PDB file of all heavy atoms in Angstrom:
ATOM      1  N   ASP A   1     -38.982 -31.244  37.358  1.00  0.00           N
ATOM      2  CA  ASP A   1     -37.734 -31.817  36.830  1.00  0.00           C
ATOM      3  C   ASP A   1     -36.782 -30.730  36.340  1.00  0.00           C
ATOM      4  O   ASP A   1     -35.559 -30.871  36.455  1.00  0.00           O
ATOM      5  CB  ASP A   1     -38.042 -32.802  35.691  1.00  0.00           C
ATOM      6  CG  ASP A   1     -38.636 -34.102  36.199  1.00  0.00           C
ATOM      7  OD1 ASP A   1     -38.520 -34.383  37.410  1.00  0.00           O
ATOM      8  OD2 ASP A   1     -39.221 -34.844  35.383  1.00  0.00           O
ATOM      9  N   PHE A   2     -37.332 -29.652  35.806  1.00  0.00           N
ATOM     10  CA  PHE A   2     -36.458 -28.657  35.191  1.00  0.00           C
ATOM     11  C   PHE A   2     -35.702 -27.797  36.202  1.00  0.00           C
ATOM     12  O   PHE A   2     -34.857 -26.985  35.822  1.00  0.00           O
ATOM     13  CB  PHE A   2     -37.248 -27.765  34.214  1.00  0.00           C
ATOM     14  CG  PHE A   2     -38.493 -27.150  34.778  1.00  0.00           C
ATOM     15  CD1 PHE A   2     -38.434 -26.050  35.614  1.00  0.00           C
ATOM     16  CD2 PHE A   2     -39.737 -27.684  34.473  1.00  0.00           C
ATOM     17  CE1 PHE A   2     -39.577 -25.487  36.136  1.00  0.00           C
ATOM     18  CE2 PHE A   2     -40.900 -27.128  34.981  1.00  0.00           C
ATOM     19  CZ  PHE A   2     -40.822 -26.021  35.821  1.00  0.00           C
ATOM     20  N   VAL A   3     -35.984 -27.955  37.497  1.00  0.00           N
ATOM     21  CA  VAL A   3     -35.238 -27.201  38.511  1.00  0.00           C
ATOM     22  C   VAL A   3     -34.528 -28.104  39.512  1.00  0.00           C
ATOM     23  O   VAL A   3     -33.795 -27.614  40.370  1.00  0.00           O
ATOM     24  CB  VAL A   3     -36.137 -26.212  39.281  1.00  0.00           C
ATOM     25  CG1 VAL A   3     -36.780 -25.225  38.326  1.00  0.00           C
ATOM     26  CG2 VAL A   3     -37.162 -26.935  40.135  1.00  0.00           C
ATOM     27  N   LYS A   4     -34.714 -29.394  39.406  1.00  0.00           N
ATOM     28  CA  LYS A   4     -34.078 -30.317  40.349  1.00  0.00           C
ATOM     29  C   LYS A   4     -32.563 -30.157  40.322  1.00  0.00           C
ATOM     30  O   LYS A   4     -31.946 -30.096  39.265  1.00  0.00           O
ATOM     31  CB  LYS A   4     -34.456 -31.762  40.004  1.00  0.00           C
ATOM     32  CG  LYS A   4     -35.834 -32.171  40.490  1.00  0.00           C
ATOM     33  CD  LYS A   4     -36.121 -33.637  40.184  1.00  0.00           C
ATOM     34  CE  LYS A   4     -37.505 -34.018  40.683  1.00  0.00           C
ATOM     35  NZ  LYS A   4     -37.840 -35.424  40.341  1.00  0.00           N
ATOM     36  N   GLY A   5     -32.001 -30.066  41.516  1.00  0.00           N
ATOM     37  CA  GLY A   5     -30.563 -29.900  41.638  1.00  0.00           C
ATOM     38  C   GLY A   5     -30.099 -28.461  41.542  1.00  0.00           C
ATOM     39  O   GLY A   5     -28.917 -28.169  41.778  1.00  0.00           O
ATOM     40  N   ARG A   6     -31.017 -27.540  41.184  1.00  0.00           N
ATOM     41  CA  ARG A   6     -30.633 -26.124  41.061  1.00  0.00           C
ATOM     42  C   ARG A   6     -31.376 -25.240  42.062  1.00  0.00           C
ATOM     43  O   ARG A   6     -30.816 -24.262  42.551  1.00  0.00           O
ATOM     44  CB  ARG A   6     -30.928 -25.620  39.649  1.00  0.00           C
ATOM     45  CG  ARG A   6     -30.155 -26.356  38.557  1.00  0.00           C
ATOM     46  CD  ARG A   6     -30.309 -25.657  37.214  1.00  0.00           C
ATOM     47  NE  ARG A   6     -31.701 -25.627  36.753  1.00  0.00           N
ATOM     48  CZ  ARG A   6     -32.343 -24.518  36.404  1.00  0.00           C
ATOM     49  NH1 ARG A   6     -31.740 -23.351  36.448  1.00  0.00           N
ATOM     50  NH2 ARG A   6     -33.605 -24.578  35.978  1.00  0.00           N
ATOM     51  N   PHE A   7     -32.634 -25.539  42.330  1.00  0.00           N
ATOM     52  CA  PHE A   7     -33.464 -24.717  43.216  1.00  0.00           C
ATOM     53  C   PHE A   7     -33.706 -25.452  44.528  1.00  0.00           C
ATOM     54  O   PHE A   7     -33.789 -26.685  44.558  1.00  0.00           O
ATOM     55  CB  PHE A   7     -34.814 -24.422  42.573  1.00  0.00           C
ATOM     56  CG  PHE A   7     -34.769 -23.515  41.377  1.00  0.00           C
ATOM     57  CD1 PHE A   7     -33.579 -23.138  40.774  1.00  0.00           C
ATOM     58  CD2 PHE A   7     -35.958 -23.026  40.849  1.00  0.00           C
ATOM     59  CE1 PHE A   7     -33.550 -22.300  39.666  1.00  0.00           C
ATOM     60  CE2 PHE A   7     -35.964 -22.185  39.743  1.00  0.00           C
ATOM     61  CZ  PHE A   7     -34.759 -21.835  39.148  1.00  0.00           C
ATOM     62  N   ILE A   8     -33.858 -24.678  45.591  1.00  0.00           N
ATOM     63  CA  ILE A   8     -34.168 -25.239  46.906  1.00  0.00           C
ATOM     64  C   ILE A   8     -35.312 -24.444  47.526  1.00  0.00           C
ATOM     65  O   ILE A   8     -35.206 -23.215  47.669  1.00  0.00           O
ATOM     66  CB  ILE A   8     -32.955 -25.221  47.844  1.00  0.00           C
ATOM     67  CG1 ILE A   8     -31.799 -26.023  47.246  1.00  0.00           C
ATOM     68  CG2 ILE A   8     -33.332 -25.774  49.214  1.00  0.00           C
ATOM     69  CD1 ILE A   8     -30.503 -25.887  48.026  1.00  0.00           C
ATOM     70  N   ILE A   9     -36.368 -25.141  47.898  1.00  0.00           N
ATOM     71  CA  ILE A   9     -37.496 -24.501  48.565  1.00  0.00           C
ATOM     72  C   ILE A   9     -37.382 -24.734  50.068  1.00  0.00           C
ATOM     73  O   ILE A   9     -36.958 -25.812  50.514  1.00  0.00           O
ATOM     74  CB  ILE A   9     -38.845 -25.044  48.025  1.00  0.00           C
ATOM     75  CG1 ILE A   9     -40.016 -24.244  48.586  1.00  0.00           C
ATOM     76  CG2 ILE A   9     -38.996 -26.533  48.313  1.00  0.00           C
ATOM     77  CD1 ILE A   9     -41.353 -24.604  47.940  1.00  0.00           C
ATOM     78  N   SER A  10     -37.752 -23.728  50.842  1.00  0.00           N
ATOM     79  CA  SER A  10     -37.717 -23.855  52.299  1.00  0.00           C
ATOM     80  C   SER A  10     -38.745 -22.893  52.888  1.00  0.00           C
ATOM     81  O   SER A  10     -39.289 -22.038  52.181  1.00  0.00           O
ATOM     82  CB  SER A  10     -36.321 -23.564  52.839  1.00  0.00           C
ATOM     83  OG  SER A  10     -35.932 -22.232  52.551  1.00  0.00           O
ATOM     84  N   ARG A  11     -38.997 -23.050  54.168  1.00  0.00           N
ATOM     85  CA  ARG A  11     -39.916 -22.144  54.838  1.00  0.00           C
ATOM     86  C   ARG A  11     -39.510 -21.994  56.297  1.00  0.00           C
ATOM     87  O   ARG A  11     -38.919 -22.911  56.883  1.00  0.00           O
ATOM     88  CB  ARG A  11     -41.365 -22.627  54.718  1.00  0.00           C
ATOM     89  CG  ARG A  11     -41.651 -23.948  55.389  1.00  0.00           C
ATOM     90  CD  ARG A  11     -43.026 -24.485  55.011  1.00  0.00           C
ATOM     91  NE  ARG A  11     -44.111 -23.662  55.557  1.00  0.00           N
ATOM     92  CZ  ARG A  11     -45.399 -23.867  55.308  1.00  0.00           C
ATOM     93  NH1 ARG A  11     -45.767 -24.855  54.499  1.00  0.00           N
ATOM     94  NH2 ARG A  11     -46.328 -23.096  55.856  1.00  0.00           N
ATOM     95  N   ASP A  12     -39.857 -20.846  56.845  1.00  0.00           N
ATOM     96  CA  ASP A  12     -39.617 -20.549  58.254  1.00  0.00           C
ATOM     97  C   ASP A  12     -40.961 -20.127  58.830  1.00  0.00           C
ATOM     98  O   ASP A  12     -41.379 -18.978  58.661  1.00  0.00           O
ATOM     99  CB  ASP A  12     -38.570 -19.444  58.385  1.00  0.00           C
ATOM    100  CG  ASP A  12     -38.198 -19.168  59.825  1.00  0.00           C
ATOM    101  OD1 ASP A  12     -38.978 -19.503  60.732  1.00  0.00           O
ATOM    102  OD2 ASP A  12     -37.121 -18.590  60.049  1.00  0.00           O
ATOM    103  N   ASN A  13     -41.649 -21.047  59.470  1.00  0.00           N
ATOM    104  CA  ASN A  13     -42.989 -20.755  59.991  1.00  0.00           C
ATOM    105  C   ASN A  13     -42.969 -19.704  61.097  1.00  0.00           C
ATOM    106  O   ASN A  13     -43.954 -18.978  61.275  1.00  0.00           O
ATOM    107  CB  ASN A  13     -43.658 -22.035  60.471  1.00  0.00           C
ATOM    108  CG  ASN A  13     -44.014 -22.978  59.333  1.00  0.00           C
ATOM    109  OD1 ASN A  13     -44.184 -22.541  58.188  1.00  0.00           O
ATOM    110  ND2 ASN A  13     -44.116 -24.257  59.625  1.00  0.00           N
ATOM    111  N   ALA A  14     -41.883 -19.609  61.812  1.00  0.00           N
ATOM    112  CA  ALA A  14     -41.782 -18.585  62.855  1.00  0.00           C
ATOM    113  C   ALA A  14     -41.790 -17.186  62.242  1.00  0.00           C
ATOM    114  O   ALA A  14     -42.224 -16.223  62.878  1.00  0.00           O
ATOM    115  CB  ALA A  14     -40.522 -18.793  63.670  1.00  0.00           C
ATOM    116  N   LYS A  15     -41.316 -17.084  61.012  1.00  0.00           N
ATOM    117  CA  LYS A  15     -41.292 -15.806  60.306  1.00  0.00           C
ATOM    118  C   LYS A  15     -42.405 -15.705  59.269  1.00  0.00           C
ATOM    119  O   LYS A  15     -42.482 -14.710  58.547  1.00  0.00           O
ATOM    120  CB  LYS A  15     -39.942 -15.608  59.620  1.00  0.00           C
ATOM    121  CG  LYS A  15     -38.769 -15.501  60.578  1.00  0.00           C
ATOM    122  CD  LYS A  15     -37.482 -15.258  59.827  1.00  0.00           C
ATOM    123  CE  LYS A  15     -36.308 -15.129  60.796  1.00  0.00           C
ATOM    124  NZ  LYS A  15     -35.029 -14.903  60.097  1.00  0.00           N
ATOM    125  N   ASN A  16     -43.241 -16.747  59.181  1.00  0.00           N
ATOM    126  CA  ASN A  16     -44.311 -16.760  58.171  1.00  0.00           C
ATOM    127  C   ASN A  16     -43.773 -16.460  56.781  1.00  0.00           C
ATOM    128  O   ASN A  16     -44.369 -15.678  56.022  1.00  0.00           O
ATOM    129  CB  ASN A  16     -45.406 -15.750  58.525  1.00  0.00           C
ATOM    130  CG  ASN A  16     -46.251 -16.205  59.688  1.00  0.00           C
ATOM    131  OD1 ASN A  16     -46.433 -17.401  59.909  1.00  0.00           O
ATOM    132  ND2 ASN A  16     -46.757 -15.261  60.448  1.00  0.00           N
ATOM    133  N   THR A  17     -42.677 -17.089  56.448  1.00  0.00           N
ATOM    134  CA  THR A  17     -42.018 -16.805  55.180  1.00  0.00           C
ATOM    135  C   THR A  17     -41.559 -18.090  54.505  1.00  0.00           C
ATOM    136  O   THR A  17     -41.073 -19.012  55.171  1.00  0.00           O
ATOM    137  CB  THR A  17     -40.807 -15.872  55.379  1.00  0.00           C
ATOM    138  OG1 THR A  17     -41.242 -14.671  56.027  1.00  0.00           O
ATOM    139  CG2 THR A  17     -40.179 -15.499  54.042  1.00  0.00           C
ATOM    140  N   MET A  18     -41.724 -18.111  53.195  1.00  0.00           N
ATOM    141  CA  MET A  18     -41.227 -19.220  52.386  1.00  0.00           C
ATOM    142  C   MET A  18     -40.151 -18.678  51.442  1.00  0.00           C
ATOM    143  O   MET A  18     -40.205 -17.502  51.058  1.00  0.00           O
ATOM    144  CB  MET A  18     -42.369 -19.833  51.572  1.00  0.00           C
ATOM    145  CG  MET A  18     -41.952 -20.938  50.620  1.00  0.00           C
ATOM    146  SD  MET A  18     -43.341 -21.659  49.728  1.00  0.00           S
ATOM    147  CE  MET A  18     -43.872 -20.278  48.725  1.00  0.00           C
ATOM    148  N   TYR A  19     -39.209 -19.514  51.086  1.00  0.00           N
ATOM    149  CA  TYR A  19     -38.088 -19.082  50.259  1.00  0.00           C
ATOM    150  C   TYR A  19     -37.910 -19.999  49.052  1.00  0.00           C
ATOM    151  O   TYR A  19     -38.312 -21.154  49.058  1.00  0.00           O
ATOM    152  CB  TYR A  19     -36.796 -19.089  51.075  1.00  0.00           C
ATOM    153  CG  TYR A  19     -36.863 -18.287  52.339  1.00  0.00           C
ATOM    154  CD1 TYR A  19     -37.134 -18.907  53.556  1.00  0.00           C
ATOM    155  CD2 TYR A  19     -36.658 -16.908  52.327  1.00  0.00           C
ATOM    156  CE1 TYR A  19     -37.200 -18.179  54.734  1.00  0.00           C
ATOM    157  CE2 TYR A  19     -36.721 -16.171  53.506  1.00  0.00           C
ATOM    158  CZ  TYR A  19     -36.993 -16.818  54.698  1.00  0.00           C
ATOM    159  OH  TYR A  19     -37.060 -16.083  55.855  1.00  0.00           O
ATOM    160  N   LEU A  20     -37.259 -19.450  48.047  1.00  0.00           N
ATOM    161  CA  LEU A  20     -36.818 -20.256  46.915  1.00  0.00           C
ATOM    162  C   LEU A  20     -35.410 -19.798  46.552  1.00  0.00           C
ATOM    163  O   LEU A  20     -35.230 -18.685  46.049  1.00  0.00           O
ATOM    164  CB  LEU A  20     -37.753 -20.107  45.715  1.00  0.00           C
ATOM    165  CG  LEU A  20     -37.417 -21.021  44.528  1.00  0.00           C
ATOM    166  CD1 LEU A  20     -37.667 -22.494  44.904  1.00  0.00           C
ATOM    167  CD2 LEU A  20     -38.238 -20.638  43.290  1.00  0.00           C
ATOM    168  N   GLN A  21     -34.440 -20.629  46.858  1.00  0.00           N
ATOM    169  CA  GLN A  21     -33.061 -20.365  46.474  1.00  0.00           C
ATOM    170  C   GLN A  21     -32.862 -20.902  45.060  1.00  0.00           C
ATOM    171  O   GLN A  21     -33.031 -22.094  44.824  1.00  0.00           O
ATOM    172  CB  GLN A  21     -32.085 -21.035  47.443  1.00  0.00           C
ATOM    173  CG  GLN A  21     -30.624 -20.847  47.079  1.00  0.00           C
ATOM    174  CD  GLN A  21     -30.185 -19.400  47.188  1.00  0.00           C
ATOM    175  OE1 GLN A  21     -30.526 -18.708  48.144  1.00  0.00           O
ATOM    176  NE2 GLN A  21     -29.410 -18.937  46.205  1.00  0.00           N
ATOM    177  N   MET A  22     -32.519 -20.014  44.148  1.00  0.00           N
ATOM    178  CA  MET A  22     -32.362 -20.399  42.754  1.00  0.00           C
ATOM    179  C   MET A  22     -30.902 -20.241  42.349  1.00  0.00           C
ATOM    180  O   MET A  22     -30.367 -19.130  42.390  1.00  0.00           O
ATOM    181  CB  MET A  22     -33.256 -19.526  41.866  1.00  0.00           C
ATOM    182  CG  MET A  22     -34.723 -19.532  42.279  1.00  0.00           C
ATOM    183  SD  MET A  22     -35.797 -18.678  41.118  1.00  0.00           S
ATOM    184  CE  MET A  22     -35.169 -17.016  41.277  1.00  0.00           C
ATOM    185  N   ASN A  23     -30.280 -21.342  41.985  1.00  0.00           N
ATOM    186  CA  ASN A  23     -28.877 -21.357  41.579  1.00  0.00           C
ATOM    187  C   ASN A  23     -28.753 -21.804  40.128  1.00  0.00           C
ATOM    188  O   ASN A  23     -29.686 -22.381  39.565  1.00  0.00           O
ATOM    189  CB  ASN A  23     -28.087 -22.307  42.481  1.00  0.00           C
ATOM    190  CG  ASN A  23     -28.170 -21.942  43.939  1.00  0.00           C
ATOM    191  OD1 ASN A  23     -28.079 -20.772  44.318  1.00  0.00           O
ATOM    192  ND2 ASN A  23     -28.321 -22.944  44.791  1.00  0.00           N
ATOM    193  N   SER A  24     -27.606 -21.533  39.549  1.00  0.00           N
ATOM    194  CA  SER A  24     -27.334 -21.938  38.163  1.00  0.00           C
ATOM    195  C   SER A  24     -28.480 -21.537  37.244  1.00  0.00           C
ATOM    196  O   SER A  24     -28.978 -22.342  36.448  1.00  0.00           O
ATOM    197  CB  SER A  24     -27.098 -23.449  38.087  1.00  0.00           C
ATOM    198  OG  SER A  24     -26.037 -23.845  38.920  1.00  0.00           O
ATOM    199  N   LEU A  25     -28.886 -20.302  37.358  1.00  0.00           N
ATOM    200  CA  LEU A  25     -30.030 -19.835  36.586  1.00  0.00           C
ATOM    201  C   LEU A  25     -29.749 -19.837  35.094  1.00  0.00           C
ATOM    202  O   LEU A  25     -28.620 -19.580  34.650  1.00  0.00           O
ATOM    203  CB  LEU A  25     -30.437 -18.442  37.043  1.00  0.00           C
ATOM    204  CG  LEU A  25     -31.219 -18.426  38.368  1.00  0.00           C
ATOM    205  CD1 LEU A  25     -31.186 -17.057  38.998  1.00  0.00           C
ATOM    206  CD2 LEU A  25     -32.651 -18.884  38.131  1.00  0.00           C
ATOM    207  N   LYS A  26     -30.799 -20.134  34.329  1.00  0.00           N
ATOM    208  CA  LYS A  26     -30.710 -20.200  32.874  1.00  0.00           C
ATOM    209  C   LYS A  26     -31.685 -19.187  32.275  1.00  0.00           C
ATOM    210  O   LYS A  26     -32.688 -18.834  32.914  1.00  0.00           O
ATOM    211  CB  LYS A  26     -31.106 -21.604  32.394  1.00  0.00           C
ATOM    212  CG  LYS A  26     -30.316 -22.732  33.025  1.00  0.00           C
ATOM    213  CD  LYS A  26     -30.874 -24.085  32.587  1.00  0.00           C
ATOM    214  CE  LYS A  26     -30.134 -25.237  33.239  1.00  0.00           C
ATOM    215  NZ  LYS A  26     -30.682 -26.550  32.825  1.00  0.00           N
ATOM    216  N   PRO A  27     -31.437 -18.744  31.066  1.00  0.00           N
ATOM    217  CA  PRO A  27     -32.378 -17.804  30.429  1.00  0.00           C
ATOM    218  C   PRO A  27     -33.810 -18.351  30.398  1.00  0.00           C
ATOM    219  O   PRO A  27     -34.766 -17.571  30.510  1.00  0.00           O
ATOM    220  CB  PRO A  27     -31.801 -17.647  29.025  1.00  0.00           C
ATOM    221  CG  PRO A  27     -30.333 -17.849  29.211  1.00  0.00           C
ATOM    222  CD  PRO A  27     -30.226 -18.926  30.258  1.00  0.00           C
TER     223      PRO A  27
END
């Protein structure tokens, strides 16, 4: 709940990589 609407998780299996886009970061 504390990251909903701010963070986005994704993955690219062709690159064997997972990502986390973090926006509106807070302390």
